[in-house]
C-alpha atoms as a PDB file:
ATOM      1  CA  UNK A   1     -15.123   2.510   1.598  1.00  0.00           C
ATOM      2  CA  UNK A   2     -11.554   4.073   0.591  1.00  0.00           C
ATOM      3  CA  UNK A   3      -8.510   1.786   1.306  1.00  0.00           C
ATOM      4  CA  UNK A   4      -4.970   2.753   1.558  1.00  0.00           C
ATOM      5  CA  UNK A   5      -2.677  -0.136   1.635  1.00  0.00           C
ATOM      6  CA  UNK A   6       0.578  -0.038   2.843  1.00  0.00           C
ATOM      7  CA  UNK A   7       3.838  -1.149   0.656  1.00  0.00           C
ATOM      8  CA  UNK A   8       7.594  -0.800   0.524  1.00  0.00           C
ATOM      9  CA  UNK A   9       9.106   1.047  -2.262  1.00  0.00           C
ATOM     10  CA  UNK A  10      11.555  -0.505  -4.319  1.00  0.00           C
ATOM     11  CA  UNK A  11      12.412   1.730  -7.253  1.00  0.00           C
ATOM     12  CA  UNK A  12      12.249   5.571  -8.183  1.00  0.00           C
ATOM     13  CA  UNK A  13      12.097   6.944 -11.572  1.00  0.00           C
ATOM     14  CA  UNK A  14      11.251  10.063 -13.349  1.00  0.00           C
ATOM     15  CA  UNK A  15       8.194   9.621 -15.761  1.00  0.00           C
ATOM     16  CA  UNK A  16       7.302  12.401 -18.026  1.00  0.00           C
ATOM     17  CA  UNK A  17       8.314  14.957 -14.991  1.00  0.00           C
ATOM     18  CA  UNK A  18       6.568  12.836 -12.351  1.00  0.00           C
ATOM     19  CA  UNK A  19       8.466  11.091  -9.761  1.00  0.00           C
ATOM     20  CA  UNK A  20       7.058   7.323  -9.927  1.00  0.00           C
ATOM     21  CA  UNK A  21       8.096   4.365  -7.888  1.00  0.00           C
ATOM     22  CA  UNK A  22       7.607   0.354  -8.009  1.00  0.00           C
ATOM     23  CA  UNK A  23       6.120  -0.554  -4.631  1.00  0.00           C
ATOM     24  CA  UNK A  24       6.367  -3.973  -3.187  1.00  0.00           C
ATOM     25  CA  UNK A  25       2.839  -5.324  -1.361  1.00  0.00           C
ATOM     26  CA  UNK A  26       4.105  -8.519   0.010  1.00  0.00           C
ATOM     27  CA  UNK A  27       5.187  -9.722  -3.429  1.00  0.00           C
ATOM     28  CA  UNK A  28       2.987  -8.183  -6.191  1.00  0.00           C
ATOM     29  CA  UNK A  29       4.682  -5.019  -7.278  1.00  0.00           C
ATOM     30  CA  UNK A  30       2.804  -1.943  -8.720  1.00  0.00           C
ATOM     31  CA  UNK A  31       3.424   1.254  -9.976  1.00  0.00           C
ATOM     32  CA  UNK A  32       2.749   4.486  -7.726  1.00  0.00           C
ATOM     33  CA  UNK A  33       2.957   8.132  -8.049  1.00  0.00           C
ATOM     34  CA  UNK A  34       5.376   9.601  -5.497  1.00  0.00           C
ATOM     35  CA  UNK A  35       4.914  13.051  -6.311  1.00  0.00           C
ATOM     36  CA  UNK A  36       3.007  13.793  -3.204  1.00  0.00           C
ATOM     37  CA  UNK A  37       6.262  12.318  -1.056  1.00  0.00           C
ATOM     38  CA  UNK A  38       8.859  14.302  -2.950  1.00  0.00           C
ATOM     39  CA  UNK A  39      11.582  12.774  -0.060  1.00  0.00           C
ATOM     40  CA  UNK A  40      10.473   9.226  -0.674  1.00  0.00           C
ATOM     41  CA  UNK A  41      13.274   7.014  -1.113  1.00  0.00           C
ATOM     42  CA  UNK A  42      14.002   3.222  -1.994  1.00  0.00           C
ATOM     43  CA  UNK A  43      13.395   1.144   1.181  1.00  0.00           C
ATOM     44  CA  UNK A  44      10.723   3.619   2.759  1.00  0.00           C
ATOM     45  CA  UNK A  45       7.075   2.268   3.489  1.00  0.00           C
ATOM     46  CA  UNK A  46       4.068   4.217   2.162  1.00  0.00           C
ATOM     47  CA  UNK A  47       0.573   4.171   2.032  1.00  0.00           C
ATOM     48  CA  UNK A  48      -0.939   4.030  -1.407  1.00  0.00           C
ATOM     49  CA  UNK A  49      -4.413   4.826  -2.490  1.00  0.00           C
ATOM     50  CA  UNK A  50      -5.800   4.608  -5.883  1.00  0.00           C
ATOM     51  CA  UNK A  51      -2.265   4.912  -7.261  1.00  0.00           C
ATOM     52  CA  UNK A  52      -0.697   7.644  -4.985  1.00  0.00           C
ATOM     53  CA  UNK A  53       1.635   7.600  -2.012  1.00  0.00           C
ATOM     54  CA  UNK A  54       0.133   9.654   0.373  1.00  0.00           C
ATOM     55  CA  UNK A  55       2.059   9.161   3.284  1.00  0.00           C
ATOM     56  CA  UNK A  56       5.043   7.432   4.840  1.00  0.00           C
ATOM     57  CA  UNK A  57       5.010   4.743   7.528  1.00  0.00           C
ATOM     58  CA  UNK A  58       7.632   3.199   9.617  1.00  0.00           C
ATOM     59  CA  UNK A  59       7.905  -0.782   9.105  1.00  0.00           C
ATOM     60  CA  UNK A  60       6.314  -1.582  11.988  1.00  0.00           C
ATOM     61  CA  UNK A  61       3.199   0.616  11.298  1.00  0.00           C
ATOM     62  CA  UNK A  62       3.308  -1.062   7.872  1.00  0.00           C
ATOM     63  CA  UNK A  63       3.583  -4.572   9.297  1.00  0.00           C
ATOM     64  CA  UNK A  64       0.614  -3.692  12.070  1.00  0.00           C
ATOM     65  CA  UNK A  65      -1.612  -2.459   9.110  1.00  0.00           C
ATOM     66  CA  UNK A  66      -1.218  -5.612   6.796  1.00  0.00           C
ATOM     67  CA  UNK A  67      -1.656  -7.764   9.796  1.00  0.00           C
ATOM     68  CA  UNK A  68      -5.091  -5.993  10.364  1.00  0.00           C
ATOM     69  CA  UNK A  69      -5.795  -6.020   6.846  1.00  0.00           C
ATOM     70  CA  UNK A  70      -5.143  -9.994   6.937  1.00  0.00           C
ATOM     71  CA  UNK A  71      -7.397 -10.209   9.830  1.00  0.00           C
ATOM     72  CA  UNK A  72     -10.322  -8.906   7.968  1.00  0.00           C
ATOM     73  CA  UNK A  73      -9.765 -11.042   5.084  1.00  0.00           C
ATOM     74  CA  UNK A  74      -9.738 -14.002   7.667  1.00  0.00           C
ATOM     75  CA  UNK A  75     -13.279 -12.754   9.042  1.00  0.00           C
ATOM     76  CA  UNK A  76     -14.853 -12.330   5.827  1.00  0.00           C
ATOM     77  CA  UNK A  77     -13.899 -15.795   4.946  1.00  0.00           C
ATOM     78  CA  UNK A  78     -15.129 -17.195   8.570  1.00  0.00           C
ATOM     79  CA  UNK A  79     -18.237 -15.296   7.897  1.00  0.00           C
ATOM     80  CA  UNK A  80     -18.604 -16.998   4.372  1.00  0.00           C
ATOM     81  CA  UNK A  81     -20.422 -16.063   1.042  1.00  0.00           C
ATOM     82  CA  UNK A  82     -23.825 -15.539   2.938  1.00  0.00           C
ATOM     83  CA  UNK A  83     -23.145 -13.202   5.231  1.00  0.00           C
ATOM     84  CA  UNK A  84     -21.056 -10.587   3.149  1.00  0.00           C
ATOM     85  CA  UNK A  85     -24.159  -8.800   2.348  1.00  0.00           C
ATOM     86  CA  UNK A  86     -25.230  -8.325   5.720  1.00  0.00           C
END
């Protein structure tokens, strides 16, 4: 399964001719390539997949997606380790 995670662009810069950025995922900041979204700006929300920004989101869409991901974590915790492989 592939998973794209929404985050907020907090910094943009050029690295070797590539548009790059720092993206905040709720307190955890990671570097991502922004080349696929050349108009991406600081403050934009984007989905990051394997280090690449692949689409832009509204803040509301990002928050809804993060809430859904958190719900998945909660369900996994409720099932416990004996159910994870089921």
